[in-house]
Amino acid sequence: MFLPLIVVMLAFGVTYMLSNAARGRFAAAIARARRERAPTAHTASEIAQAFLASEGVTDVEIVTHDGIVTDFYDPARKRLILRSAYVDGTDLASWAVALHEAAHATQQGEQLTELRWRQSCIRLARYAPMFLAAIVVTLAFLKVMPFKLGVLAFGALWIVIFLLNLGSVATEWNANKRLQRFLDKWLERHPAAREKLEEVLSATATREMGDLVQSPRYFFLSALPGTGKIRPTKPKTPES
């Protein structure tokens, strides 16, 4: 068991560092972009609505939600869910997140199926590690399973979850690709802002790769009873 344990722990270390790098890359990109004003006076919600209108999508609501789980598109309810700082933001960070998530609303057919699978992989990365850790600790404490075997199982499942997350990230790149025609027209006279926005969009596409290392935060602050609502209950319409 010693050799498999070493191999799994090495792979665990590599995937942990990659996940943490994705988290750090997004945080750094957002911090820089928050200081950059958008080239036009539109808020992030307005630019998202403009993009959706250009794609003929008129049935998506923009909803404000300042919970632990936010900034995503809900295909079942056709809601674009954003934190309040992004909804009313006029900086490039707000634009990037709002546009990226709005692009998911244009994914239909096979792409919609892939989006739903992608979201399942994200939920797995956020909640499964802590659940698995609790099982391993409990079984080891009850002496039902040797602790080393539990560590091996946890590490192996962690790696599988990472690979599932990585394997579905193409859906995020597809969302960014769907923005290009709109951005070509909207930012035609603002090439510098376009370049900076593309940098943030790139980091946004891989940000959920960092959810694996943030599993304790998601588990304890959004999964346990009494930790708050994951979804908002009141949609924010343009007239509200």
C-alpha atoms as a PDB file:
ATOM      1  CA  MET A   1       0.000   0.000   0.000  1.00  0.00           C
ATOM      2  CA  PHE A   2       2.966   2.308   0.545  1.00  0.00           C
ATOM      3  CA  LEU A   3       3.745   2.901  -3.159  1.00  0.00           C
ATOM      4  CA  PRO A   4       0.121   3.589  -4.224  1.00  0.00           C
ATOM      5  CA  LEU A   5      -0.197   5.968  -1.271  1.00  0.00           C
ATOM      6  CA  ILE A   6       2.910   7.883  -2.354  1.00  0.00           C
ATOM      7  CA  VAL A   7       1.687   8.119  -5.960  1.00  0.00           C
ATOM      8  CA  VAL A   8      -1.767   9.295  -4.934  1.00  0.00           C
ATOM      9  CA  MET A   9      -0.387  11.867  -2.497  1.00  0.00           C
ATOM     10  CA  LEU A  10       1.956  13.258  -5.149  1.00  0.00           C
ATOM     11  CA  ALA A  11      -0.934  13.550  -7.592  1.00  0.00           C
ATOM     12  CA  PHE A  12      -3.034  15.094  -4.831  1.00  0.00           C
ATOM     13  CA  GLY A  13      -0.331  17.705  -4.239  1.00  0.00           C
ATOM     14  CA  VAL A  14      -0.109  18.583  -7.923  1.00  0.00           C
ATOM     15  CA  THR A  15      -3.877  18.925  -8.341  1.00  0.00           C
ATOM     16  CA  TYR A  16      -4.109  20.951  -5.136  1.00  0.00           C
ATOM     17  CA  MET A  17      -1.510  23.405  -6.447  1.00  0.00           C
ATOM     18  CA  LEU A  18      -3.239  23.656  -9.823  1.00  0.00           C
ATOM     19  CA  SER A  19      -6.588  24.309  -8.172  1.00  0.00           C
ATOM     20  CA  ASN A  20      -5.081  26.928  -5.898  1.00  0.00           C
ATOM     21  CA  ALA A  21      -3.359  28.545  -8.882  1.00  0.00           C
ATOM     22  CA  ALA A  22      -6.704  28.873 -10.691  1.00  0.00           C
ATOM     23  CA  ARG A  23      -8.229  30.449  -7.592  1.00  0.00           C
ATOM     24  CA  GLY A  24      -5.334  32.877  -7.239  1.00  0.00           C
ATOM     25  CA  ARG A  25      -5.306  33.760 -10.934  1.00  0.00           C
ATOM     26  CA  PHE A  26      -8.982  34.712 -10.868  1.00  0.00           C
ATOM     27  CA  ALA A  27      -8.642  36.692  -7.635  1.00  0.00           C
ATOM     28  CA  ALA A  28      -5.682  38.644  -9.026  1.00  0.00           C
ATOM     29  CA  ALA A  29      -7.422  39.320 -12.350  1.00  0.00           C
ATOM     30  CA  ILE A  30     -10.573  40.542 -10.602  1.00  0.00           C
ATOM     31  CA  ALA A  31      -8.573  42.777  -8.247  1.00  0.00           C
ATOM     32  CA  ARG A  32      -6.835  44.446 -11.201  1.00  0.00           C
ATOM     33  CA  ALA A  33     -10.011  44.752 -13.267  1.00  0.00           C
ATOM     34  CA  ARG A  34     -11.968  46.300 -10.385  1.00  0.00           C
ATOM     35  CA  ARG A  35      -9.687  49.315 -10.768  1.00  0.00           C
ATOM     36  CA  GLU A  36     -10.365  49.604 -14.507  1.00  0.00           C
ATOM     37  CA  ARG A  37     -13.420  51.574 -15.562  1.00  0.00           C
ATOM     38  CA  ALA A  38     -15.508  50.102 -18.360  1.00  0.00           C
ATOM     39  CA  PRO A  39     -15.140  51.975 -21.670  1.00  0.00           C
ATOM     40  CA  THR A  40     -18.845  52.872 -21.737  1.00  0.00           C
ATOM     41  CA  ALA A  41     -21.136  53.964 -18.911  1.00  0.00           C
ATOM     42  CA  HIS A  42     -23.203  50.770 -18.910  1.00  0.00           C
ATOM     43  CA  THR A  43     -23.448  48.699 -15.758  1.00  0.00           C
ATOM     44  CA  ALA A  44     -22.635  44.995 -15.893  1.00  0.00           C
ATOM     45  CA  SER A  45     -26.325  44.072 -15.895  1.00  0.00           C
ATOM     46  CA  GLU A  46     -26.952  46.473 -18.776  1.00  0.00           C
ATOM     47  CA  ILE A  47     -24.065  45.127 -20.856  1.00  0.00           C
ATOM     48  CA  ALA A  48     -25.255  41.574 -20.176  1.00  0.00           C
ATOM     49  CA  GLN A  49     -28.759  42.521 -21.325  1.00  0.00           C
ATOM     50  CA  ALA A  50     -27.319  44.153 -24.444  1.00  0.00           C
ATOM     51  CA  PHE A  51     -25.407  40.976 -25.276  1.00  0.00           C
ATOM     52  CA  LEU A  52     -28.430  38.750 -24.694  1.00  0.00           C
ATOM     53  CA  ALA A  53     -30.573  41.029 -26.869  1.00  0.00           C
ATOM     54  CA  SER A  54     -27.978  40.827 -29.648  1.00  0.00           C
ATOM     55  CA  GLU A  55     -28.308  37.031 -29.502  1.00  0.00           C
ATOM     56  CA  GLY A  56     -32.105  37.135 -29.503  1.00  0.00           C
ATOM     57  CA  VAL A  57     -32.382  35.934 -25.897  1.00  0.00           C
ATOM     58  CA  THR A  58     -35.215  37.812 -24.181  1.00  0.00           C
ATOM     59  CA  ASP A  59     -36.423  35.428 -21.464  1.00  0.00           C
ATOM     60  CA  VAL A  60     -33.500  35.593 -19.007  1.00  0.00           C
ATOM     61  CA  GLU A  61     -33.917  37.451 -15.707  1.00  0.00           C
ATOM     62  CA  ILE A  62     -31.013  39.108 -13.937  1.00  0.00           C
ATOM     63  CA  VAL A  63     -31.186  38.387 -10.220  1.00  0.00           C
ATOM     64  CA  THR A  64     -29.157  39.894  -7.390  1.00  0.00           C
ATOM     65  CA  HIS A  65     -27.840  37.489  -4.758  1.00  0.00           C
ATOM     66  CA  ASP A  66     -25.038  38.142  -2.276  1.00  0.00           C
ATOM     67  CA  GLY A  67     -24.658  34.598  -0.980  1.00  0.00           C
ATOM     68  CA  ILE A  68     -21.711  32.223  -0.932  1.00  0.00           C
ATOM     69  CA  VAL A  69     -22.922  30.650  -4.172  1.00  0.00           C
ATOM     70  CA  THR A  70     -23.500  33.405  -6.715  1.00  0.00           C
ATOM     71  CA  ASP A  71     -22.346  34.637 -10.133  1.00  0.00           C
ATOM     72  CA  PHE A  72     -23.760  31.847 -12.277  1.00  0.00           C
ATOM     73  CA  TYR A  73     -26.454  31.139 -14.846  1.00  0.00           C
ATOM     74  CA  ASP A  74     -29.345  28.926 -13.778  1.00  0.00           C
ATOM     75  CA  PRO A  75     -30.628  27.225 -16.964  1.00  0.00           C
ATOM     76  CA  ALA A  76     -33.603  25.611 -15.228  1.00  0.00           C
ATOM     77  CA  ARG A  77     -35.032  28.968 -14.123  1.00  0.00           C
ATOM     78  CA  LYS A  78     -33.434  31.055 -16.875  1.00  0.00           C
ATOM     79  CA  ARG A  79     -31.851  33.351 -14.328  1.00  0.00           C
ATOM     80  CA  LEU A  80     -28.534  35.140 -14.478  1.00  0.00           C
ATOM     81  CA  ILE A  81     -27.553  35.382 -10.813  1.00  0.00           C
ATOM     82  CA  LEU A  82     -24.979  38.024  -9.854  1.00  0.00           C
ATOM     83  CA  ARG A  83     -23.778  39.644  -6.659  1.00  0.00           C
ATOM     84  CA  SER A  84     -24.952  43.234  -6.173  1.00  0.00           C
ATOM     85  CA  ALA A  85     -21.444  44.650  -6.614  1.00  0.00           C
ATOM     86  CA  TYR A  86     -21.364  43.193 -10.122  1.00  0.00           C
ATOM     87  CA  VAL A  87     -24.959  43.960 -11.101  1.00  0.00           C
ATOM     88  CA  ASP A  88     -24.420  47.701 -10.697  1.00  0.00           C
ATOM     89  CA  GLY A  89     -20.681  47.696 -11.390  1.00  0.00           C
ATOM     90  CA  THR A  90     -19.158  49.774 -14.180  1.00  0.00           C
ATOM     91  CA  ASP A  91     -15.682  48.259 -13.973  1.00  0.00           C
ATOM     92  CA  LEU A  92     -14.152  45.592 -16.204  1.00  0.00           C
ATOM     93  CA  ALA A  93     -14.374  42.930 -13.487  1.00  0.00           C
ATOM     94  CA  SER A  94     -18.151  43.311 -13.269  1.00  0.00           C
ATOM     95  CA  TRP A  95     -18.459  43.317 -17.037  1.00  0.00           C
ATOM     96  CA  ALA A  96     -16.358  40.170 -17.431  1.00  0.00           C
ATOM     97  CA  VAL A  97     -18.282  38.078 -14.904  1.00  0.00           C
ATOM     98  CA  ALA A  98     -21.696  39.278 -16.114  1.00  0.00           C
ATOM     99  CA  LEU A  99     -20.874  38.738 -19.786  1.00  0.00           C
ATOM    100  CA  HIS A 100     -19.325  35.318 -19.212  1.00  0.00           C
ATOM    101  CA  GLU A 101     -22.352  34.068 -17.293  1.00  0.00           C
ATOM    102  CA  ALA A 102     -24.749  35.676 -19.783  1.00  0.00           C
ATOM    103  CA  ALA A 103     -22.996  33.764 -22.557  1.00  0.00           C
ATOM    104  CA  HIS A 104     -24.038  30.513 -20.874  1.00  0.00           C
ATOM    105  CA  ALA A 105     -27.652  31.521 -21.530  1.00  0.00           C
ATOM    106  CA  THR A 106     -26.977  31.227 -25.271  1.00  0.00           C
ATOM    107  CA  GLN A 107     -25.776  27.624 -25.015  1.00  0.00           C
ATOM    108  CA  GLN A 108     -28.536  25.386 -26.323  1.00  0.00           C
ATOM    109  CA  GLY A 109     -28.925  21.783 -27.416  1.00  0.00           C
ATOM    110  CA  GLU A 110     -25.782  19.734 -26.880  1.00  0.00           C
ATOM    111  CA  GLN A 111     -24.013  22.744 -25.373  1.00  0.00           C
ATOM    112  CA  LEU A 112     -26.783  23.101 -22.783  1.00  0.00           C
ATOM    113  CA  THR A 113     -26.374  19.444 -21.844  1.00  0.00           C
ATOM    114  CA  GLU A 114     -22.654  20.037 -21.433  1.00  0.00           C
ATOM    115  CA  LEU A 115     -23.354  23.132 -19.308  1.00  0.00           C
ATOM    116  CA  ARG A 116     -25.523  21.101 -16.953  1.00  0.00           C
ATOM    117  CA  TRP A 117     -22.803  18.461 -16.681  1.00  0.00           C
ATOM    118  CA  ARG A 118     -20.273  21.219 -16.032  1.00  0.00           C
ATOM    119  CA  GLN A 119     -22.405  22.591 -13.202  1.00  0.00           C
ATOM    120  CA  SER A 120     -22.700  19.103 -11.715  1.00  0.00           C
ATOM    121  CA  CYS A 121     -18.899  18.807 -11.736  1.00  0.00           C
ATOM    122  CA  ILE A 122     -18.625  22.197 -10.021  1.00  0.00           C
ATOM    123  CA  ARG A 123     -21.040  21.158  -7.269  1.00  0.00           C
ATOM    124  CA  LEU A 124     -19.073  17.944  -6.838  1.00  0.00           C
ATOM    125  CA  ALA A 125     -15.845  19.933  -6.409  1.00  0.00           C
ATOM    126  CA  ARG A 126     -17.446  22.266  -3.881  1.00  0.00           C
ATOM    127  CA  TYR A 127     -19.135  19.774  -1.599  1.00  0.00           C
ATOM    128  CA  ALA A 128     -17.852  16.227  -2.120  1.00  0.00           C
ATOM    129  CA  PRO A 129     -14.341  16.633  -0.610  1.00  0.00           C
ATOM    130  CA  MET A 130     -15.566  17.660   2.836  1.00  0.00           C
ATOM    131  CA  PHE A 131     -18.274  15.010   2.773  1.00  0.00           C
ATOM    132  CA  LEU A 132     -15.669  12.382   1.887  1.00  0.00           C
ATOM    133  CA  ALA A 133     -13.300  13.673   4.563  1.00  0.00           C
ATOM    134  CA  ALA A 134     -16.044  13.360   7.182  1.00  0.00           C
ATOM    135  CA  ILE A 135     -16.707   9.761   6.129  1.00  0.00           C
ATOM    136  CA  VAL A 136     -13.007   8.855   6.242  1.00  0.00           C
ATOM    137  CA  VAL A 137     -12.521  10.379   9.700  1.00  0.00           C
ATOM    138  CA  THR A 138     -15.662   8.703  11.035  1.00  0.00           C
ATOM    139  CA  LEU A 139     -14.760   5.261   9.687  1.00  0.00           C
ATOM    140  CA  ALA A 140     -11.191   5.587  10.949  1.00  0.00           C
ATOM    141  CA  PHE A 141     -12.410   6.692  14.378  1.00  0.00           C
ATOM    142  CA  LEU A 142     -14.776   3.717  14.549  1.00  0.00           C
ATOM    143  CA  LYS A 143     -11.919   1.485  13.362  1.00  0.00           C
ATOM    144  CA  VAL A 144     -14.033   0.254  10.483  1.00  0.00           C
ATOM    145  CA  MET A 145     -11.371   1.242   7.967  1.00  0.00           C
ATOM    146  CA  PRO A 146      -7.607   1.761   8.385  1.00  0.00           C
ATOM    147  CA  PHE A 147      -6.699   5.450   8.307  1.00  0.00           C
ATOM    148  CA  LYS A 148      -4.114   4.949   5.538  1.00  0.00           C
ATOM    149  CA  LEU A 149      -6.721   3.286   3.349  1.00  0.00           C
ATOM    150  CA  GLY A 150      -9.070   6.185   4.040  1.00  0.00           C
ATOM    151  CA  VAL A 151      -6.394   8.708   3.053  1.00  0.00           C
ATOM    152  CA  LEU A 152      -5.738   6.736  -0.129  1.00  0.00           C
ATOM    153  CA  ALA A 153      -9.437   6.688  -0.982  1.00  0.00           C
ATOM    154  CA  PHE A 154      -9.816  10.411  -0.266  1.00  0.00           C
ATOM    155  CA  GLY A 155      -6.801  11.296  -2.402  1.00  0.00           C
ATOM    156  CA  ALA A 156      -7.966   9.126  -5.293  1.00  0.00           C
ATOM    157  CA  LEU A 157     -11.465  10.608  -5.252  1.00  0.00           C
ATOM    158  CA  TRP A 158     -10.026  14.137  -4.994  1.00  0.00           C
ATOM    159  CA  ILE A 159      -8.024  13.476  -8.172  1.00  0.00           C
ATOM    160  CA  VAL A 160     -11.088  12.089  -9.963  1.00  0.00           C
ATOM    161  CA  ILE A 161     -13.102  15.183  -9.016  1.00  0.00           C
ATOM    162  CA  PHE A 162     -10.306  17.449 -10.243  1.00  0.00           C
ATOM    163  CA  LEU A 163     -10.155  15.607 -13.572  1.00  0.00           C
ATOM    164  CA  LEU A 164     -13.941  15.821 -13.998  1.00  0.00           C
ATOM    165  CA  ASN A 165     -13.749  19.550 -13.324  1.00  0.00           C
ATOM    166  CA  LEU A 166     -10.884  19.945 -15.776  1.00  0.00           C
ATOM    167  CA  GLY A 167     -12.557  17.816 -18.411  1.00  0.00           C
ATOM    168  CA  SER A 168     -15.701  19.960 -18.444  1.00  0.00           C
ATOM    169  CA  VAL A 169     -13.993  23.373 -18.527  1.00  0.00           C
ATOM    170  CA  ALA A 170     -14.314  23.516 -22.336  1.00  0.00           C
ATOM    171  CA  THR A 171     -17.895  24.670 -21.743  1.00  0.00           C
ATOM    172  CA  GLU A 172     -16.492  27.825 -20.140  1.00  0.00           C
ATOM    173  CA  TRP A 173     -14.222  28.542 -23.107  1.00  0.00           C
ATOM    174  CA  ASN A 174     -17.189  28.055 -25.409  1.00  0.00           C
ATOM    175  CA  ALA A 175     -19.080  30.713 -23.443  1.00  0.00           C
ATOM    176  CA  ASN A 176     -16.228  33.187 -23.928  1.00  0.00           C
ATOM    177  CA  LYS A 177     -16.113  32.372 -27.640  1.00  0.00           C
ATOM    178  CA  ARG A 178     -19.785  33.275 -27.941  1.00  0.00           C
ATOM    179  CA  LEU A 179     -18.994  36.806 -26.765  1.00  0.00           C
ATOM    180  CA  GLN A 180     -16.514  37.604 -29.512  1.00  0.00           C
ATOM    181  CA  ARG A 181     -18.897  38.868 -32.197  1.00  0.00           C
ATOM    182  CA  PHE A 182     -20.647  41.155 -29.722  1.00  0.00           C
ATOM    183  CA  LEU A 183     -17.372  42.495 -28.311  1.00  0.00           C
ATOM    184  CA  ASP A 184     -15.978  43.056 -31.807  1.00  0.00           C
ATOM    185  CA  LYS A 185     -18.756  45.580 -32.407  1.00  0.00           C
ATOM    186  CA  TRP A 186     -19.214  47.001 -28.910  1.00  0.00           C
ATOM    187  CA  LEU A 187     -15.538  47.629 -28.201  1.00  0.00           C
ATOM    188  CA  GLU A 188     -14.377  48.335 -31.736  1.00  0.00           C
ATOM    189  CA  ARG A 189     -13.093  51.766 -30.683  1.00  0.00           C
ATOM    190  CA  HIS A 190     -11.679  50.566 -27.359  1.00  0.00           C
ATOM    191  CA  PRO A 191      -8.922  48.029 -28.178  1.00  0.00           C
ATOM    192  CA  ALA A 192      -7.072  48.547 -24.883  1.00  0.00           C
ATOM    193  CA  ALA A 193     -10.207  47.863 -22.826  1.00  0.00           C
ATOM    194  CA  ARG A 194     -10.966  44.852 -25.029  1.00  0.00           C
ATOM    195  CA  GLU A 195      -7.545  43.368 -24.321  1.00  0.00           C
ATOM    196  CA  LYS A 196      -7.923  43.844 -20.566  1.00  0.00           C
ATOM    197  CA  LEU A 197     -11.444  42.426 -20.639  1.00  0.00           C
ATOM    198  CA  GLU A 198     -10.208  39.334 -22.481  1.00  0.00           C
ATOM    199  CA  GLU A 199      -7.655  38.732 -19.723  1.00  0.00           C
ATOM    200  CA  VAL A 200     -10.383  38.745 -17.078  1.00  0.00           C
ATOM    201  CA  LEU A 201     -12.663  36.573 -19.200  1.00  0.00           C
ATOM    202  CA  SER A 202      -9.866  34.023 -19.513  1.00  0.00           C
ATOM    203  CA  ALA A 203      -9.412  33.878 -15.739  1.00  0.00           C
ATOM    204  CA  THR A 204     -13.189  33.742 -15.257  1.00  0.00           C
ATOM    205  CA  ALA A 205     -13.438  30.690 -17.515  1.00  0.00           C
ATOM    206  CA  THR A 206     -11.191  28.671 -15.200  1.00  0.00           C
ATOM    207  CA  ARG A 207     -12.198  30.142 -11.843  1.00  0.00           C
ATOM    208  CA  GLU A 208     -14.244  27.103 -10.758  1.00  0.00           C
ATOM    209  CA  MET A 209     -11.104  25.013 -11.065  1.00  0.00           C
ATOM    210  CA  GLY A 210     -10.245  26.712  -7.783  1.00  0.00           C
ATOM    211  CA  ASP A 211     -13.417  25.550  -6.046  1.00  0.00           C
ATOM    212  CA  LEU A 212     -11.792  22.289  -5.004  1.00  0.00           C
ATOM    213  CA  VAL A 213      -9.419  24.005  -2.561  1.00  0.00           C
ATOM    214  CA  GLN A 214     -12.315  26.144  -1.317  1.00  0.00           C
ATOM    215  CA  SER A 215     -14.477  23.143  -0.495  1.00  0.00           C
ATOM    216  CA  PRO A 216     -14.441  23.824   3.288  1.00  0.00           C
ATOM    217  CA  ARG A 217     -15.777  27.341   2.665  1.00  0.00           C
ATOM    218  CA  TYR A 218     -18.622  26.131   0.459  1.00  0.00           C
ATOM    219  CA  PHE A 219     -19.421  23.160   2.681  1.00  0.00           C
ATOM    220  CA  PHE A 220     -19.578  24.993   6.005  1.00  0.00           C
ATOM    221  CA  LEU A 221     -21.083  28.255   4.731  1.00  0.00           C
ATOM    222  CA  SER A 222     -23.661  27.020   2.235  1.00  0.00           C
ATOM    223  CA  ALA A 223     -24.282  23.268   2.561  1.00  0.00           C
ATOM    224  CA  LEU A 224     -25.034  22.839   6.248  1.00  0.00           C
ATOM    225  CA  PRO A 225     -28.495  23.578   7.693  1.00  0.00           C
ATOM    226  CA  GLY A 226     -28.909  27.194   8.749  1.00  0.00           C
ATOM    227  CA  THR A 227     -26.048  28.527   6.619  1.00  0.00           C
ATOM    228  CA  GLY A 228     -28.251  30.587   4.313  1.00  0.00           C
ATOM    229  CA  LYS A 229     -30.043  30.264   1.027  1.00  0.00           C
ATOM    230  CA  ILE A 230     -28.106  29.113  -2.004  1.00  0.00           C
ATOM    231  CA  ARG A 231     -30.553  30.675  -4.451  1.00  0.00           C
ATOM    232  CA  PRO A 232     -32.224  34.085  -4.386  1.00  0.00           C
ATOM    233  CA  THR A 233     -35.983  34.211  -4.138  1.00  0.00           C
ATOM    234  CA  LYS A 234     -36.773  37.580  -5.693  1.00  0.00           C
ATOM    235  CA  PRO A 235     -35.642  38.358  -9.223  1.00  0.00           C
ATOM    236  CA  LYS A 236     -34.369  41.817 -10.056  1.00  0.00           C
ATOM    237  CA  THR A 237     -35.867  43.137 -13.258  1.00  0.00           C
ATOM    238  CA  PRO A 238     -34.600  46.156 -15.173  1.00  0.00           C
ATOM    239  CA  GLU A 239     -37.567  48.192 -13.879  1.00  0.00           C
ATOM    240  CA  SER A 240     -36.989  47.375 -10.193  1.00  0.00           C
END
